[in-house]
Amino acid sequence: MGLTIHYRLQSDEADADATRSVLSRLRSRALDLPFAGVGDLIELRGDDCDFEKADRRAPHRWLLIQAATHVECGNWHFNVAPKHIIAFTTCPGDGCEDANFGLCRYPASIMVDDPQRPGARRRLACPGPKWRWSSFCKTQYASDPHCGGVQNFLRCHLSVVALLDQAATLGILGDVHDEGNYWEHRDAQRLTTEVGQWNEQIAGFVGRIKDAFGDPAIAPITQFPDFEHLEARGRKDER
């Protein structure tokens, strides 16, 4: 729960070398932006792409989790691990989630246990672009005063957006859903107001949970030094 940027990357390029090249160019742009850190471009194949087969302490575990996709069969969803990953991780800044960028190839289909016919198996197609990526980055808690406050939040959020702009220039951007709406309006002052409202709303919600269960809820917003003030503003309608 928190203000998040969701994004998809995609490419119908058949050549892995071309895909590697475009992601290398995207990473080069990341190095020019004020990210706190930019990881190496990694490339994985086969079982190394499957987070369910990876060690829980694997350095790229979060990237592998985000690389997985799914297919639907009625009301059922089945995970699909990539067969080829080319990707890199960025650390926008303190308090912000890592933002992963990459492209994956998935099998054309998978065999699953048929949920409607016990004991039977069926093949499900995995449609979509030849290379694709779906990910998100929660930036809200970069606004924690302990992490640098609104200035830190803006640096993190705008860095992710700038890298997505580069993805668009390179022709690999699918779509973006920015819960702060900055992707559409490009107004930093409006984004500052937006994250302030999110902080108040979440603090108010956490406060109500705290009252209902008689114990402080474990949530990042409770670590803000001004949590009680945020909570009060978030619960003003109760009065």
Foldseek 3Di string as FASTA:
>chain_A
DAFKKKFKWFDQDPDPVVQLVLQVVLLVVLVVAQFPDKFDWDKDFDPVLALVPDDPPDPCNVVSVQQWDWDDDVPDIDIWGFGMKTKIWTHRFPQKFIDIDTKTATDQWDKDQDPVDHPDIDIDGDDDRRIMGIDMMHLLRCLQVVGPHLVSSCSSVVSVLVSLVSSVVSPTTDDMDGSLCCNPVVDSVSSSVSSLLRLLQVLLVQVVVCVVVVHRDDDSSVPRPCSVVSNCVNCVVVD
